[in-house]
C-alpha atoms as a PDB file:
ATOM      1  CA  MET A   1     -10.354   8.159 -15.465  1.00  0.00           C
ATOM      2  CA  PRO A   2     -10.253   7.906 -11.657  1.00  0.00           C
ATOM      3  CA  SER A   3     -11.321   4.610 -10.129  1.00  0.00           C
ATOM      4  CA  GLY A   4     -13.110   6.289  -7.195  1.00  0.00           C
ATOM      5  CA  GLY A   5     -13.430   5.093  -3.649  1.00  0.00           C
ATOM      6  CA  HIS A   6     -10.802   4.790  -0.965  1.00  0.00           C
ATOM      7  CA  ASN A   7      -7.349   3.361  -1.405  1.00  0.00           C
ATOM      8  CA  ARG A   8      -7.268  -0.265  -0.340  1.00  0.00           C
ATOM      9  CA  LEU A   9      -5.247  -1.178   2.707  1.00  0.00           C
ATOM     10  CA  PRO A  10      -2.939  -4.169   2.452  1.00  0.00           C
ATOM     11  CA  SER A  11      -4.141  -7.293   4.251  1.00  0.00           C
ATOM     12  CA  GLU A  12      -1.123  -7.152   6.581  1.00  0.00           C
ATOM     13  CA  VAL A  13      -2.216  -3.713   7.826  1.00  0.00           C
ATOM     14  CA  LYS A  14      -5.792  -4.940   8.266  1.00  0.00           C
ATOM     15  CA  ARG A  15      -4.550  -7.944  10.251  1.00  0.00           C
ATOM     16  CA  ALA A  16      -2.417  -5.672  12.446  1.00  0.00           C
ATOM     17  CA  ARG A  17      -5.402  -3.382  13.085  1.00  0.00           C
ATOM     18  CA  GLY A  18      -7.745  -6.299  13.720  1.00  0.00           C
ATOM     19  CA  THR A  19     -10.097  -5.413  10.826  1.00  0.00           C
ATOM     20  CA  TYR A  20      -9.161  -8.230   8.433  1.00  0.00           C
ATOM     21  CA  ARG A  21     -12.026 -10.043   6.707  1.00  0.00           C
ATOM     22  CA  LYS A  22     -11.304 -12.907   4.353  1.00  0.00           C
ATOM     23  CA  ASP A  23     -14.341 -12.163   2.164  1.00  0.00           C
ATOM     24  CA  ARG A  24     -12.975  -8.676   1.366  1.00  0.00           C
ATOM     25  CA  THR A  25      -9.465  -9.753   0.434  1.00  0.00           C
ATOM     26  CA  SER A  26      -8.110 -10.119  -3.061  1.00  0.00           C
ATOM     27  CA  PRO A  27      -6.495 -13.517  -3.645  1.00  0.00           C
ATOM     28  CA  ASN A  28      -3.996 -11.896  -6.026  1.00  0.00           C
ATOM     29  CA  GLU A  29      -2.665  -9.370  -3.519  1.00  0.00           C
ATOM     30  CA  PRO A  30       1.135  -9.249  -3.480  1.00  0.00           C
ATOM     31  CA  ARG A  31       2.771 -10.384  -0.252  1.00  0.00           C
ATOM     32  CA  ALA A  32       5.629  -8.484   1.366  1.00  0.00           C
ATOM     33  CA  ASN A  33       8.728 -10.485   2.257  1.00  0.00           C
ATOM     34  CA  LYS A  34      10.360 -10.513   5.649  1.00  0.00           C
ATOM     35  CA  PRO A  35      13.411  -8.243   5.557  1.00  0.00           C
ATOM     36  CA  PRO A  36      16.930  -9.581   5.702  1.00  0.00           C
ATOM     37  CA  LYS A  37      19.100  -9.057   8.753  1.00  0.00           C
ATOM     38  CA  ILE A  38      19.634  -5.367   9.459  1.00  0.00           C
ATOM     39  CA  LYS A  39      22.106  -3.705   7.105  1.00  0.00           C
ATOM     40  CA  VAL A  40      22.419   0.026   7.666  1.00  0.00           C
ATOM     41  CA  PRO A  41      23.237   2.037   4.502  1.00  0.00           C
ATOM     42  CA  ASP A  42      26.864   3.204   4.492  1.00  0.00           C
ATOM     43  CA  TYR A  43      26.151   6.809   3.531  1.00  0.00           C
ATOM     44  CA  LEU A  44      24.112   7.586   6.664  1.00  0.00           C
ATOM     45  CA  ASP A  45      25.893   9.625   9.323  1.00  0.00           C
ATOM     46  CA  LYS A  46      25.898   8.763  13.044  1.00  0.00           C
ATOM     47  CA  TYR A  47      22.395  10.149  13.634  1.00  0.00           C
ATOM     48  CA  GLY A  48      20.954   8.397  10.605  1.00  0.00           C
ATOM     49  CA  ARG A  49      22.584   5.059  11.464  1.00  0.00           C
ATOM     50  CA  SER A  50      21.369   5.125  15.065  1.00  0.00           C
ATOM     51  CA  PHE A  51      17.828   5.986  13.976  1.00  0.00           C
ATOM     52  CA  TYR A  52      17.833   3.297  11.275  1.00  0.00           C
ATOM     53  CA  ARG A  53      18.753   0.646  13.859  1.00  0.00           C
ATOM     54  CA  TYR A  54      16.142   1.988  16.282  1.00  0.00           C
ATOM     55  CA  ALA A  55      13.281   2.015  13.726  1.00  0.00           C
ATOM     56  CA  TYR A  56      14.233  -1.425  12.394  1.00  0.00           C
ATOM     57  CA  ARG A  57      14.207  -2.972  15.876  1.00  0.00           C
ATOM     58  CA  GLU A  58      10.985  -1.249  16.956  1.00  0.00           C
ATOM     59  CA  MET A  59       9.050  -2.326  13.860  1.00  0.00           C
ATOM     60  CA  ASP A  60      10.476  -5.832  14.039  1.00  0.00           C
ATOM     61  CA  GLN A  61       9.410  -6.172  17.682  1.00  0.00           C
ATOM     62  CA  MET A  62       5.904  -4.934  16.796  1.00  0.00           C
ATOM     63  CA  GLY A  63       5.743  -7.587  14.082  1.00  0.00           C
ATOM     64  CA  ILE A  64       5.001  -5.134  11.267  1.00  0.00           C
ATOM     65  CA  LEU A  65       8.375  -4.953   9.519  1.00  0.00           C
ATOM     66  CA  SER A  66       8.616  -6.115   5.912  1.00  0.00           C
ATOM     67  CA  SER A  67      11.270  -5.721   3.243  1.00  0.00           C
ATOM     68  CA  SER A  68       9.197  -3.037   1.516  1.00  0.00           C
ATOM     69  CA  ASP A  69       9.532  -0.823   4.622  1.00  0.00           C
ATOM     70  CA  LEU A  70      13.319  -0.535   4.381  1.00  0.00           C
ATOM     71  CA  LYS A  71      13.309   2.415   1.940  1.00  0.00           C
ATOM     72  CA  THR A  72      10.822   4.288   4.105  1.00  0.00           C
ATOM     73  CA  ILE A  73      13.028   3.652   7.138  1.00  0.00           C
ATOM     74  CA  GLU A  74      15.941   4.964   5.095  1.00  0.00           C
ATOM     75  CA  CYS A  75      14.061   8.170   4.158  1.00  0.00           C
ATOM     76  CA  THR A  76      12.994   8.667   7.766  1.00  0.00           C
ATOM     77  CA  SER A  77      16.606   8.193   8.896  1.00  0.00           C
ATOM     78  CA  ILE A  78      17.780  10.850   6.441  1.00  0.00           C
ATOM     79  CA  SER A  79      15.138  13.300   7.704  1.00  0.00           C
ATOM     80  CA  TYR A  80      16.077  12.576  11.316  1.00  0.00           C
ATOM     81  CA  SER A  81      19.756  13.097  10.505  1.00  0.00           C
ATOM     82  CA  MET A  82      19.051  16.431   8.778  1.00  0.00           C
ATOM     83  CA  MET A  83      16.985  17.534  11.760  1.00  0.00           C
ATOM     84  CA  ARG A  84      19.724  16.660  14.270  1.00  0.00           C
ATOM     85  CA  ASN A  85      22.465  18.267  12.151  1.00  0.00           C
ATOM     86  CA  ALA A  86      20.421  21.476  11.868  1.00  0.00           C
ATOM     87  CA  LEU A  87      19.990  21.486  15.644  1.00  0.00           C
ATOM     88  CA  ASP A  88      23.747  21.024  16.067  1.00  0.00           C
ATOM     89  CA  ALA A  89      24.402  23.966  13.723  1.00  0.00           C
ATOM     90  CA  ILE A  90      21.990  26.134  15.706  1.00  0.00           C
ATOM     91  CA  GLU A  91      23.672  25.148  18.984  1.00  0.00           C
ATOM     92  CA  ASP A  92      27.123  25.935  17.525  1.00  0.00           C
ATOM     93  CA  LYS A  93      25.956  29.489  16.783  1.00  0.00           C
ATOM     94  CA  GLY A  94      24.698  30.121  20.314  1.00  0.00           C
ATOM     95  CA  GLY A  95      21.384  28.288  20.465  1.00  0.00           C
ATOM     96  CA  LEU A  96      17.901  29.458  19.553  1.00  0.00           C
ATOM     97  CA  ALA A  97      18.340  32.678  21.546  1.00  0.00           C
ATOM     98  CA  ALA A  98      20.859  33.838  18.946  1.00  0.00           C
ATOM     99  CA  TYR A  99      18.209  33.501  16.220  1.00  0.00           C
ATOM    100  CA  ILE A 100      15.444  35.517  17.820  1.00  0.00           C
ATOM    101  CA  ALA A 101      14.516  38.139  15.255  1.00  0.00           C
ATOM    102  CA  THR A 102      14.582  41.776  16.214  1.00  0.00           C
ATOM    103  CA  ALA A 103      12.521  44.485  14.553  1.00  0.00           C
ATOM    104  CA  GLU A 104      15.548  45.497  12.462  1.00  0.00           C
ATOM    105  CA  ASN A 105      16.495  41.985  11.323  1.00  0.00           C
ATOM    106  CA  SER A 106      13.496  39.760  10.627  1.00  0.00           C
ATOM    107  CA  GLN A 107      15.225  37.497   8.108  1.00  0.00           C
ATOM    108  CA  LYS A 108      14.803  33.778   8.713  1.00  0.00           C
ATOM    109  CA  THR A 109      18.037  31.858   9.098  1.00  0.00           C
ATOM    110  CA  PRO A 110      18.799  28.871   6.845  1.00  0.00           C
ATOM    111  CA  GLN A 111      19.348  26.539   9.808  1.00  0.00           C
ATOM    112  CA  LEU A 112      15.820  27.139  11.093  1.00  0.00           C
ATOM    113  CA  SER A 113      14.364  26.580   7.616  1.00  0.00           C
ATOM    114  CA  ILE A 114      16.270  23.308   7.289  1.00  0.00           C
ATOM    115  CA  LEU A 115      15.174  22.261  10.768  1.00  0.00           C
ATOM    116  CA  ASN A 116      11.496  22.982  10.034  1.00  0.00           C
ATOM    117  CA  LYS A 117      11.538  21.104   6.709  1.00  0.00           C
ATOM    118  CA  ALA A 118      13.367  18.123   8.215  1.00  0.00           C
ATOM    119  CA  GLN A 119      10.876  17.965  11.107  1.00  0.00           C
ATOM    120  CA  GLU A 120       7.937  17.971   8.683  1.00  0.00           C
ATOM    121  CA  GLN A 121       9.495  15.179   6.623  1.00  0.00           C
ATOM    122  CA  TYR A 122      10.410  13.174   9.708  1.00  0.00           C
ATOM    123  CA  LEU A 123       6.885  13.362  11.130  1.00  0.00           C
ATOM    124  CA  ARG A 124       5.342  12.396   7.784  1.00  0.00           C
ATOM    125  CA  PHE A 125       7.620   9.373   7.296  1.00  0.00           C
ATOM    126  CA  SER A 126       7.511   8.220  10.921  1.00  0.00           C
ATOM    127  CA  SER A 127       3.714   8.238  10.886  1.00  0.00           C
ATOM    128  CA  LYS A 128       3.768   5.929   7.860  1.00  0.00           C
ATOM    129  CA  LEU A 129       5.957   3.533   9.836  1.00  0.00           C
ATOM    130  CA  GLY A 130       3.828   3.703  13.001  1.00  0.00           C
ATOM    131  CA  LEU A 131       6.644   5.214  15.043  1.00  0.00           C
ATOM    132  CA  ASN A 132       4.632   7.895  16.813  1.00  0.00           C
ATOM    133  CA  PRO A 133       2.107   7.221  19.597  1.00  0.00           C
ATOM    134  CA  VAL A 134      -1.012   8.136  17.601  1.00  0.00           C
ATOM    135  CA  ASP A 135      -0.221   5.907  14.634  1.00  0.00           C
ATOM    136  CA  ARG A 136       1.047   3.115  16.858  1.00  0.00           C
ATOM    137  CA  GLY A 137      -2.258   3.265  18.746  1.00  0.00           C
ATOM    138  CA  ARG A 138      -4.105   2.510  15.497  1.00  0.00           C
ATOM    139  CA  ILE A 139      -2.247  -0.763  15.091  1.00  0.00           C
ATOM    140  CA  GLU A 140      -3.705  -3.761  16.876  1.00  0.00           C
ATOM    141  CA  ILE A 141      -1.467  -6.779  16.695  1.00  0.00           C
ATOM    142  CA  GLU A 142      -3.164 -10.091  17.232  1.00  0.00           C
ATOM    143  CA  GLU A 143      -1.475 -12.485  19.618  1.00  0.00           C
ATOM    144  CA  LYS A 144      -0.188 -15.539  17.799  1.00  0.00           C
ATOM    145  CA  GLU A 145      -1.342 -18.775  19.318  1.00  0.00           C
ATOM    146  CA  GLU A 146       1.149 -21.563  19.566  1.00  0.00           C
ATOM    147  CA  SER A 147       0.203 -24.217  17.068  1.00  0.00           C
ATOM    148  CA  ASP A 148      -0.374 -27.564  18.663  1.00  0.00           C
ATOM    149  CA  PRO A 149      -1.021 -30.226  15.999  1.00  0.00           C
ATOM    150  CA  MET A 150      -2.936 -32.442  18.395  1.00  0.00           C
ATOM    151  CA  ALA A 151      -5.241 -29.597  19.480  1.00  0.00           C
ATOM    152  CA  SER A 152      -6.035 -28.720  15.879  1.00  0.00           C
ATOM    153  CA  LEU A 153      -6.869 -32.374  15.144  1.00  0.00           C
ATOM    154  CA  LEU A 154      -9.163 -32.520  18.160  1.00  0.00           C
ATOM    155  CA  LYS A 155     -10.994 -29.389  16.945  1.00  0.00           C
ATOM    156  CA  LEU A 156     -11.638 -31.096  13.597  1.00  0.00           C
ATOM    157  CA  VAL A 157     -13.085 -34.153  15.313  1.00  0.00           C
ATOM    158  CA  LYS A 158     -15.623 -32.145  17.377  1.00  0.00           C
END
């Protein structure tokens, strides 16, 4: 039987958006670990490896990278690689002008189908990671204050 209601957002996402409330947080919520140093999967080609490094650095700089994001970065890298390889194949055959359908030949080429699918997958995965402007605009990262032990003691005394 369905549980109803909306899916709950993790506390880390709520903190990043600035909507976190302690009274609405489950104390038993699992915590995501910080990821290890970047290790690009060996099977990715040059496009996939470069995108993996890019996404890892961008998310790390935004302060939203966790170890559970690495598989999503990997899937996004694969989609990006497929997209770039399809574009290369189209360029090798004379560019998009060579694929313009005439009235006699309206069959869709496999390279364009692969390109369209890879673009859809890439956009879906990159939005989950906050790598496009719209999704990145939804994330509000709070500035971390430097912890001064003396200042915190003085606040307790007041």
